[in-house]
Structures are given as C-alpha cells and as structure tokens.
C-alpha cells in the first residue's frame, strides 16, 4: 500500500475510472451481442434496430475515451456489413 497521499489518491481514482470503463465496455458488448443474435436469427428489422443502438453505445464509449476512434469505426463497419448481408 502506498504511503504518500497523492499515491493513495491515484489508487482510488484509478479504481473509480476502471469501474466506469468496465461498465461502459459491458454496455457496448451487450449491444454488439444483440446485433449478432439478430443477424444469426436472420431478423432484418431487429438487426437494424440493434445496429442503431450499438452504434450509439459505441459512439458514447468513444467520446468518453474508452475506445479509440478507429476501433469504434472498425466495429461499426463490421456490424453494418453483417446487417447489410441480410436479405
């Protein structure tokens, strides 16, 4: 355990930020799983709705610094490609 006051504070702040990032990543993963499930079920309408929700969650995660912009772009692109293959 740290003895210096600033080091103790850093430990606490890091725990709070890690918990926040974990919650945000969990929301993103859930949204992505919903898109994948809709694609697997070949349900175009549900897939499009889930894709929109997932895109919003990914955008929020990026704006908060949890994901890099290119990572978000790649994930959205792959999800959109999977949804667009449905007919």
PDB file of N, CA and C in Angstrom:
ATOM      1  N   UNK A   1       0.844  -1.184   0.000  1.00  0.00           N
ATOM      2  CA  UNK A   1       0.000   0.000   0.000  1.00  0.00           C
ATOM      3  C   UNK A   1       0.886   1.241   0.000  1.00  0.00           C
ATOM      4  N   UNK A   2       0.444   2.247  -0.705  1.00  0.00           N
ATOM      5  CA  UNK A   2       1.206   3.490  -0.816  1.00  0.00           C
ATOM      6  C   UNK A   2       1.181   4.267   0.500  1.00  0.00           C
ATOM      7  N   UNK A   3       2.245   5.007   0.734  1.00  0.00           N
ATOM      8  CA  UNK A   3       2.326   5.833   1.941  1.00  0.00           C
ATOM      9  C   UNK A   3       2.096   7.306   1.639  1.00  0.00           C
ATOM     10  N   UNK A   4       2.363   7.705   0.403  1.00  0.00           N
ATOM     11  CA  UNK A   4       2.248   9.109   0.031  1.00  0.00           C
ATOM     12  C   UNK A   4       0.787   9.419  -0.306  1.00  0.00           C
ATOM     13  N   UNK A   5       0.338  10.595   0.145  1.00  0.00           N
ATOM     14  CA  UNK A   5      -1.065  10.972  -0.013  1.00  0.00           C
ATOM     15  C   UNK A   5      -1.491  10.991  -1.482  1.00  0.00           C
ATOM     16  N   UNK A   6      -0.668  11.537  -2.349  1.00  0.00           N
ATOM     17  CA  UNK A   6      -1.028  11.620  -3.768  1.00  0.00           C
ATOM     18  C   UNK A   6      -1.100  10.234  -4.403  1.00  0.00           C
ATOM     19  N   UNK A   7      -0.243   9.317  -3.949  1.00  0.00           N
ATOM     20  CA  UNK A   7      -0.273   7.948  -4.478  1.00  0.00           C
ATOM     21  C   UNK A   7      -1.546   7.234  -4.032  1.00  0.00           C
ATOM     22  N   UNK A   8      -1.964   7.488  -2.782  1.00  0.00           N
ATOM     23  CA  UNK A   8      -3.216   6.898  -2.283  1.00  0.00           C
ATOM     24  C   UNK A   8      -4.398   7.403  -3.105  1.00  0.00           C
ATOM     25  N   UNK A   9      -4.380   8.692  -3.415  1.00  0.00           N
ATOM     26  CA  UNK A   9      -5.460   9.274  -4.208  1.00  0.00           C
ATOM     27  C   UNK A   9      -5.474   8.656  -5.611  1.00  0.00           C
ATOM     28  N   UNK A  10      -4.317   8.497  -6.208  1.00  0.00           N
ATOM     29  CA  UNK A  10      -4.237   7.920  -7.550  1.00  0.00           C
ATOM     30  C   UNK A  10      -4.842   6.517  -7.568  1.00  0.00           C
ATOM     31  N   UNK A  11      -4.592   5.743  -6.514  1.00  0.00           N
ATOM     32  CA  UNK A  11      -5.137   4.390  -6.431  1.00  0.00           C
ATOM     33  C   UNK A  11      -6.671   4.444  -6.425  1.00  0.00           C
ATOM     34  N   UNK A  12      -7.231   5.347  -5.625  1.00  0.00           N
ATOM     35  CA  UNK A  12      -8.680   5.481  -5.544  1.00  0.00           C
ATOM     36  C   UNK A  12      -9.277   5.953  -6.873  1.00  0.00           C
ATOM     37  N   UNK A  13      -8.646   6.953  -7.480  1.00  0.00           N
ATOM     38  CA  UNK A  13      -9.146   7.494  -8.743  1.00  0.00           C
ATOM     39  C   UNK A  13      -9.075   6.428  -9.838  1.00  0.00           C
ATOM     40  N   UNK A  14      -8.007   5.647  -9.839  1.00  0.00           N
ATOM     41  CA  UNK A  14      -7.848   4.590 -10.837  1.00  0.00           C
ATOM     42  C   UNK A  14      -8.943   3.532 -10.692  1.00  0.00           C
ATOM     43  N   UNK A  15      -9.283   3.187  -9.450  1.00  0.00           N
ATOM     44  CA  UNK A  15     -10.352   2.207  -9.220  1.00  0.00           C
ATOM     45  C   UNK A  15     -11.687   2.713  -9.752  1.00  0.00           C
ATOM     46  N   UNK A  16     -11.982   3.993  -9.519  1.00  0.00           N
ATOM     47  CA  UNK A  16     -13.241   4.575  -9.981  1.00  0.00           C
ATOM     48  C   UNK A  16     -13.295   4.580 -11.504  1.00  0.00           C
ATOM     49  N   UNK A  17     -12.203   5.003 -12.134  1.00  0.00           N
ATOM     50  CA  UNK A  17     -12.166   5.059 -13.600  1.00  0.00           C
ATOM     51  C   UNK A  17     -12.246   3.663 -14.210  1.00  0.00           C
ATOM     52  N   UNK A  18     -11.585   2.696 -13.589  1.00  0.00           N
ATOM     53  CA  UNK A  18     -11.623   1.326 -14.102  1.00  0.00           C
ATOM     54  C   UNK A  18     -13.033   0.763 -14.033  1.00  0.00           C
ATOM     55  N   UNK A  19     -13.736   1.053 -12.945  1.00  0.00           N
ATOM     56  CA  UNK A  19     -15.121   0.584 -12.802  1.00  0.00           C
ATOM     57  C   UNK A  19     -16.012   1.231 -13.849  1.00  0.00           C
ATOM     58  N   UNK A  20     -15.801   2.517 -14.113  1.00  0.00           N
ATOM     59  CA  UNK A  20     -16.581   3.244 -15.112  1.00  0.00           C
ATOM     60  C   UNK A  20     -16.338   2.666 -16.502  1.00  0.00           C
ATOM     61  N   UNK A  21     -15.070   2.447 -16.832  1.00  0.00           N
ATOM     62  CA  UNK A  21     -14.728   1.893 -18.140  1.00  0.00           C
ATOM     63  C   UNK A  21     -15.298   0.492 -18.312  1.00  0.00           C
ATOM     64  N   UNK A  22     -15.268  -0.296 -17.245  1.00  0.00           N
ATOM     65  CA  UNK A  22     -15.786  -1.659 -17.303  1.00  0.00           C
ATOM     66  C   UNK A  22     -17.283  -1.650 -17.586  1.00  0.00           C
ATOM     67  N   UNK A  23     -18.003  -0.742 -16.937  1.00  0.00           N
ATOM     68  CA  UNK A  23     -19.450  -0.641 -17.149  1.00  0.00           C
ATOM     69  C   UNK A  23     -19.764  -0.226 -18.582  1.00  0.00           C
ATOM     70  N   UNK A  24     -19.009   0.718 -19.105  1.00  0.00           N
ATOM     71  CA  UNK A  24     -19.231   1.190 -20.472  1.00  0.00           C
ATOM     72  C   UNK A  24     -18.935   0.081 -21.472  1.00  0.00           C
ATOM     73  N   UNK A  25     -17.825  -0.638 -21.269  1.00  0.00           N
ATOM     74  CA  UNK A  25     -17.481  -1.739 -22.176  1.00  0.00           C
ATOM     75  C   UNK A  25     -18.531  -2.841 -22.127  1.00  0.00           C
ATOM     76  N   UNK A  26     -19.086  -3.070 -20.949  1.00  0.00           N
ATOM     77  CA  UNK A  26     -20.118  -4.087 -20.801  1.00  0.00           C
ATOM     78  C   UNK A  26     -21.364  -3.719 -21.598  1.00  0.00           C
ATOM     79  N   UNK A  27     -21.752  -2.436 -21.551  1.00  0.00           N
ATOM     80  CA  UNK A  27     -22.912  -1.983 -22.324  1.00  0.00           C
ATOM     81  C   UNK A  27     -22.667  -2.157 -23.818  1.00  0.00           C
ATOM     82  N   UNK A  28     -21.456  -1.850 -24.254  1.00  0.00           N
ATOM     83  CA  UNK A  28     -21.115  -1.986 -25.677  1.00  0.00           C
ATOM     84  C   UNK A  28     -21.174  -3.451 -26.093  1.00  0.00           C
ATOM     85  N   UNK A  29     -20.595  -4.325 -25.280  1.00  0.00           N
ATOM     86  CA  UNK A  29     -20.583  -5.754 -25.614  1.00  0.00           C
ATOM     87  C   UNK A  29     -22.005  -6.307 -25.698  1.00  0.00           C
ATOM     88  N   UNK A  30     -22.874  -5.874 -24.782  1.00  0.00           N
ATOM     89  CA  UNK A  30     -24.265  -6.325 -24.802  1.00  0.00           C
ATOM     90  C   UNK A  30     -24.953  -5.876 -26.077  1.00  0.00           C
ATOM     91  N   UNK A  31     -24.721  -4.628 -26.470  1.00  0.00           N
ATOM     92  CA  UNK A  31     -25.335  -4.100 -27.685  1.00  0.00           C
ATOM     93  C   UNK A  31     -24.843  -4.859 -28.918  1.00  0.00           C
ATOM     94  N   UNK A  32     -23.557  -5.167 -28.953  1.00  0.00           N
ATOM     95  CA  UNK A  32     -22.986  -5.901 -30.088  1.00  0.00           C
ATOM     96  C   UNK A  32     -23.557  -7.321 -30.136  1.00  0.00           C
ATOM     97  N   UNK A  33     -23.710  -7.944 -28.976  1.00  0.00           N
ATOM     98  CA  UNK A  33     -24.279  -9.295 -28.928  1.00  0.00           C
ATOM     99  C   UNK A  33     -25.711  -9.308 -29.449  1.00  0.00           C
ATOM    100  N   UNK A  34     -26.476  -8.249 -29.167  1.00  0.00           N
ATOM    101  CA  UNK A  34     -27.848  -8.177 -29.664  1.00  0.00           C
ATOM    102  C   UNK A  34     -27.872  -8.100 -31.186  1.00  0.00           C
ATOM    103  N   UNK A  35     -26.925  -7.361 -31.766  1.00  0.00           N
ATOM    104  CA  UNK A  35     -26.837  -7.292 -33.231  1.00  0.00           C
ATOM    105  C   UNK A  35     -26.488  -8.667 -33.789  1.00  0.00           C
ATOM    106  N   UNK A  36     -25.493  -9.308 -33.195  1.00  0.00           N
ATOM    107  CA  UNK A  36     -25.068 -10.630 -33.661  1.00  0.00           C
ATOM    108  C   UNK A  36     -26.206 -11.645 -33.561  1.00  0.00           C
ATOM    109  N   UNK A  37     -26.975 -11.589 -32.479  1.00  0.00           N
ATOM    110  CA  UNK A  37     -28.091 -12.518 -32.304  1.00  0.00           C
ATOM    111  C   UNK A  37     -29.164 -12.292 -33.366  1.00  0.00           C
ATOM    112  N   UNK A  38     -29.443 -11.019 -33.671  1.00  0.00           N
ATOM    113  CA  UNK A  38     -30.446 -10.707 -34.693  1.00  0.00           C
ATOM    114  C   UNK A  38     -29.968 -11.156 -36.071  1.00  0.00           C
ATOM    115  N   UNK A  39     -28.685 -10.989 -36.338  1.00  0.00           N
ATOM    116  CA  UNK A  39     -28.123 -11.432 -37.621  1.00  0.00           C
ATOM    117  C   UNK A  39     -28.183 -12.950 -37.715  1.00  0.00           C
ATOM    118  N   UNK A  40     -27.857 -13.640 -36.622  1.00  0.00           N
ATOM    119  CA  UNK A  40     -27.896 -15.106 -36.615  1.00  0.00           C
ATOM    120  C   UNK A  40     -29.314 -15.619 -36.825  1.00  0.00           C
ATOM    121  N   UNK A  41     -30.305 -14.868 -36.333  1.00  0.00           N
ATOM    122  CA  UNK A  41     -31.705 -15.262 -36.493  1.00  0.00           C
ATOM    123  C   UNK A  41     -32.281 -14.786 -37.821  1.00  0.00           C
ATOM    124  N   UNK A  42     -31.483 -14.097 -38.625  1.00  0.00           N
ATOM    125  CA  UNK A  42     -31.901 -13.545 -39.926  1.00  0.00           C
ATOM    126  C   UNK A  42     -33.098 -12.610 -39.796  1.00  0.00           C
ATOM    127  N   UNK A  43     -33.139 -11.846 -38.710  1.00  0.00           N
ATOM    128  CA  UNK A  43     -34.225 -10.890 -38.468  1.00  0.00           C
ATOM    129  C   UNK A  43     -33.728  -9.491 -38.846  1.00  0.00           C
ATOM    130  N   UNK A  44     -34.062  -9.067 -40.057  1.00  0.00           N
ATOM    131  CA  UNK A  44     -33.538  -7.811 -40.607  1.00  0.00           C
ATOM    132  C   UNK A  44     -33.956  -6.595 -39.773  1.00  0.00           C
ATOM    133  N   UNK A  45     -35.249  -6.503 -39.413  1.00  0.00           N
ATOM    134  CA  UNK A  45     -35.727  -5.328 -38.677  1.00  0.00           C
ATOM    135  C   UNK A  45     -35.069  -5.220 -37.299  1.00  0.00           C
ATOM    136  N   UNK A  46     -35.000  -6.354 -36.601  1.00  0.00           N
ATOM    137  CA  UNK A  46     -34.367  -6.350 -35.279  1.00  0.00           C
ATOM    138  C   UNK A  46     -32.880  -6.031 -35.394  1.00  0.00           C
ATOM    139  N   UNK A  47     -32.252  -6.535 -36.443  1.00  0.00           N
ATOM    140  CA  UNK A  47     -30.823  -6.292 -36.646  1.00  0.00           C
ATOM    141  C   UNK A  47     -30.551  -4.815 -36.904  1.00  0.00           C
ATOM    142  N   UNK A  48     -31.404  -4.187 -37.703  1.00  0.00           N
ATOM    143  CA  UNK A  48     -31.224  -2.759 -37.996  1.00  0.00           C
ATOM    144  C   UNK A  48     -31.426  -1.927 -36.730  1.00  0.00           C
ATOM    145  N   UNK A  49     -32.443  -2.262 -35.951  1.00  0.00           N
ATOM    146  CA  UNK A  49     -32.690  -1.532 -34.698  1.00  0.00           C
ATOM    147  C   UNK A  49     -31.542  -1.733 -33.713  1.00  0.00           C
ATOM    148  N   UNK A  50     -31.056  -2.968 -33.619  1.00  0.00           N
ATOM    149  CA  UNK A  50     -29.939  -3.270 -32.705  1.00  0.00           C
ATOM    150  C   UNK A  50     -28.660  -2.591 -33.177  1.00  0.00           C
ATOM    151  N   UNK A  51     -28.481  -2.514 -34.501  1.00  0.00           N
ATOM    152  CA  UNK A  51     -27.290  -1.849 -35.051  1.00  0.00           C
ATOM    153  C   UNK A  51     -27.293  -0.373 -34.683  1.00  0.00           C
ATOM    154  N   UNK A  52     -28.453   0.262 -34.774  1.00  0.00           N
ATOM    155  CA  UNK A  52     -28.552   1.678 -34.421  1.00  0.00           C
ATOM    156  C   UNK A  52     -28.204   1.885 -32.946  1.00  0.00           C
ATOM    157  N   UNK A  53     -28.742   1.036 -32.086  1.00  0.00           N
ATOM    158  CA  UNK A  53     -28.459   1.141 -30.648  1.00  0.00           C
ATOM    159  C   UNK A  53     -26.976   0.887 -30.360  1.00  0.00           C
ATOM    160  N   UNK A  54     -26.402  -0.100 -31.032  1.00  0.00           N
ATOM    161  CA  UNK A  54     -24.988  -0.427 -30.819  1.00  0.00           C
ATOM    162  C   UNK A  54     -24.097   0.709 -31.292  1.00  0.00           C
ATOM    163  N   UNK A  55     -24.458   1.325 -32.405  1.00  0.00           N
ATOM    164  CA  UNK A  55     -23.676   2.449 -32.930  1.00  0.00           C
ATOM    165  C   UNK A  55     -23.679   3.609 -31.939  1.00  0.00           C
ATOM    166  N   UNK A  56     -24.829   3.854 -31.338  1.00  0.00           N
ATOM    167  CA  UNK A  56     -24.930   4.930 -30.343  1.00  0.00           C
ATOM    168  C   UNK A  56     -24.065   4.617 -29.126  1.00  0.00           C
ATOM    169  N   UNK A  57     -24.132   3.387 -28.640  1.00  0.00           N
ATOM    170  CA  UNK A  57     -23.326   2.999 -27.469  1.00  0.00           C
ATOM    171  C   UNK A  57     -21.830   3.098 -27.774  1.00  0.00           C
ATOM    172  N   UNK A  58     -21.429   2.659 -28.958  1.00  0.00           N
ATOM    173  CA  UNK A  58     -20.017   2.745 -29.347  1.00  0.00           C
ATOM    174  C   UNK A  58     -19.574   4.202 -29.433  1.00  0.00           C
ATOM    175  N   UNK A  59     -20.439   5.057 -29.967  1.00  0.00           N
ATOM    176  CA  UNK A  59     -20.113   6.481 -30.054  1.00  0.00           C
ATOM    177  C   UNK A  59     -19.928   7.112 -28.690  1.00  0.00           C
ATOM    178  N   UNK A  60     -20.798   6.742 -27.755  1.00  0.00           N
ATOM    179  CA  UNK A  60     -20.674   7.261 -26.390  1.00  0.00           C
ATOM    180  C   UNK A  60     -19.367   6.793 -25.748  1.00  0.00           C
ATOM    181  N   UNK A  61     -19.041   5.519 -25.964  1.00  0.00           N
ATOM    182  CA  UNK A  61     -17.811   4.977 -25.387  1.00  0.00           C
ATOM    183  C   UNK A  61     -16.590   5.691 -25.958  1.00  0.00           C
ATOM    184  N   UNK A  62     -16.641   6.014 -27.239  1.00  0.00           N
ATOM    185  CA  UNK A  62     -15.527   6.713 -27.876  1.00  0.00           C
ATOM    186  C   UNK A  62     -15.403   8.131 -27.343  1.00  0.00           C
ATOM    187  N   UNK A  63     -16.527   8.814 -27.180  1.00  0.00           N
ATOM    188  CA  UNK A  63     -16.477  10.193 -26.699  1.00  0.00           C
ATOM    189  C   UNK A  63     -15.957  10.270 -25.267  1.00  0.00           C
ATOM    190  N   UNK A  64     -16.124   9.183 -24.512  1.00  0.00           N
ATOM    191  CA  UNK A  64     -15.634   9.156 -23.132  1.00  0.00           C
ATOM    192  C   UNK A  64     -14.213   8.617 -23.036  1.00  0.00           C
ATOM    193  N   UNK A  65     -13.633   8.260 -24.172  1.00  0.00           N
ATOM    194  CA  UNK A  65     -12.237   7.837 -24.184  1.00  0.00           C
ATOM    195  C   UNK A  65     -12.024   6.377 -23.856  1.00  0.00           C
ATOM    196  N   UNK A  66     -13.083   5.574 -23.859  1.00  0.00           N
ATOM    197  CA  UNK A  66     -12.939   4.155 -23.537  1.00  0.00           C
ATOM    198  C   UNK A  66     -12.381   3.406 -24.740  1.00  0.00           C
ATOM    199  N   UNK A  67     -12.848   3.765 -25.942  1.00  0.00           N
ATOM    200  CA  UNK A  67     -12.363   3.159 -27.178  1.00  0.00           C
ATOM    201  C   UNK A  67     -11.723   4.224 -28.054  1.00  0.00           C
ATOM    202  N   UNK A  68     -10.721   3.827 -28.834  1.00  0.00           N
ATOM    203  CA  UNK A  68     -10.119   4.706 -29.826  1.00  0.00           C
ATOM    204  C   UNK A  68     -11.102   4.858 -30.986  1.00  0.00           C
ATOM    205  N   UNK A  69     -11.054   5.983 -31.652  1.00  0.00           N
ATOM    206  CA  UNK A  69     -11.988   6.270 -32.742  1.00  0.00           C
ATOM    207  C   UNK A  69     -11.904   5.228 -33.851  1.00  0.00           C
ATOM    208  N   UNK A  70     -10.699   4.774 -34.171  1.00  0.00           N
ATOM    209  CA  UNK A  70     -10.551   3.785 -35.239  1.00  0.00           C
ATOM    210  C   UNK A  70     -11.143   2.437 -34.831  1.00  0.00           C
ATOM    211  N   UNK A  71     -11.044   2.094 -33.569  1.00  0.00           N
ATOM    212  CA  UNK A  71     -11.617   0.842 -33.071  1.00  0.00           C
ATOM    213  C   UNK A  71     -13.136   0.884 -33.214  1.00  0.00           C
ATOM    214  N   UNK A  72     -13.714   2.004 -32.837  1.00  0.00           N
ATOM    215  CA  UNK A  72     -15.157   2.159 -32.958  1.00  0.00           C
ATOM    216  C   UNK A  72     -15.588   2.086 -34.415  1.00  0.00           C
ATOM    217  N   UNK A  73     -14.856   2.753 -35.267  1.00  0.00           N
ATOM    218  CA  UNK A  73     -15.176   2.758 -36.693  1.00  0.00           C
ATOM    219  C   UNK A  73     -15.130   1.344 -37.260  1.00  0.00           C
ATOM    220  N   UNK A  74     -14.126   0.592 -36.872  1.00  0.00           N
ATOM    221  CA  UNK A  74     -13.982  -0.788 -37.345  1.00  0.00           C
ATOM    222  C   UNK A  74     -15.136  -1.663 -36.868  1.00  0.00           C
ATOM    223  N   UNK A  75     -15.495  -1.528 -35.588  1.00  0.00           N
ATOM    224  CA  UNK A  75     -16.578  -2.334 -35.036  1.00  0.00           C
ATOM    225  C   UNK A  75     -17.914  -2.007 -35.713  1.00  0.00           C
ATOM    226  N   UNK A  76     -18.193  -0.727 -35.892  1.00  0.00           N
ATOM    227  CA  UNK A  76     -19.448  -0.312 -36.523  1.00  0.00           C
ATOM    228  C   UNK A  76     -19.490  -0.805 -37.964  1.00  0.00           C
ATOM    229  N   UNK A  77     -18.369  -0.696 -38.656  1.00  0.00           N
ATOM    230  CA  UNK A  77     -18.302  -1.125 -40.049  1.00  0.00           C
ATOM    231  C   UNK A  77     -18.576  -2.616 -40.180  1.00  0.00           C
ATOM    232  N   UNK A  78     -17.999  -3.407 -39.304  1.00  0.00           N
ATOM    233  CA  UNK A  78     -18.203  -4.860 -39.359  1.00  0.00           C
ATOM    234  C   UNK A  78     -19.646  -5.235 -39.036  1.00  0.00           C
ATOM    235  N   UNK A  79     -20.215  -4.559 -38.054  1.00  0.00           N
ATOM    236  CA  UNK A  79     -21.614  -4.834 -37.711  1.00  0.00           C
ATOM    237  C   UNK A  79     -22.535  -4.445 -38.861  1.00  0.00           C
ATOM    238  N   UNK A  80     -22.278  -3.275 -39.454  1.00  0.00           N
ATOM    239  CA  UNK A  80     -23.124  -2.810 -40.561  1.00  0.00           C
ATOM    240  C   UNK A  80     -23.008  -3.760 -41.755  1.00  0.00           C
ATOM    241  N   UNK A  81     -21.817  -4.252 -42.024  1.00  0.00           N
ATOM    242  CA  UNK A  81     -21.625  -5.191 -43.135  1.00  0.00           C
ATOM    243  C   UNK A  81     -22.408  -6.473 -42.888  1.00  0.00           C
ATOM    244  N   UNK A  82     -22.415  -6.943 -41.649  1.00  0.00           N
ATOM    245  CA  UNK A  82     -23.146  -8.165 -41.319  1.00  0.00           C
ATOM    246  C   UNK A  82     -24.649  -7.949 -41.474  1.00  0.00           C
ATOM    247  N   UNK A  83     -25.142  -6.779 -41.059  1.00  0.00           N
ATOM    248  CA  UNK A  83     -26.559  -6.483 -41.177  1.00  0.00           C
ATOM    249  C   UNK A  83     -26.952  -6.320 -42.644  1.00  0.00           C
ATOM    250  N   UNK A  84     -26.092  -5.679 -43.422  1.00  0.00           N
ATOM    251  CA  UNK A  84     -26.407  -5.430 -44.829  1.00  0.00           C
ATOM    252  C   UNK A  84     -26.413  -6.711 -45.669  1.00  0.00           C
ATOM    253  N   UNK A  85     -25.763  -7.765 -45.190  1.00  0.00           N
ATOM    254  CA  UNK A  85     -25.761  -9.039 -45.918  1.00  0.00           C
ATOM    255  C   UNK A  85     -27.119  -9.732 -45.814  1.00  0.00           C
ATOM    256  N   UNK A  86     -27.904  -9.359 -44.801  1.00  0.00           N
ATOM    257  CA  UNK A  86     -29.221  -9.973 -44.632  1.00  0.00           C
ATOM    258  C   UNK A  86     -30.181  -9.520 -45.732  1.00  0.00           C
ATOM    259  N   UNK A  87     -30.960 -10.446 -46.241  1.00  0.00           N
ATOM    260  CA  UNK A  87     -31.997 -10.088 -47.231  1.00  0.00           C
ATOM    261  C   UNK A  87     -33.221 -10.904 -47.062  1.00  0.00           C
TER     262      UNK A  87
END
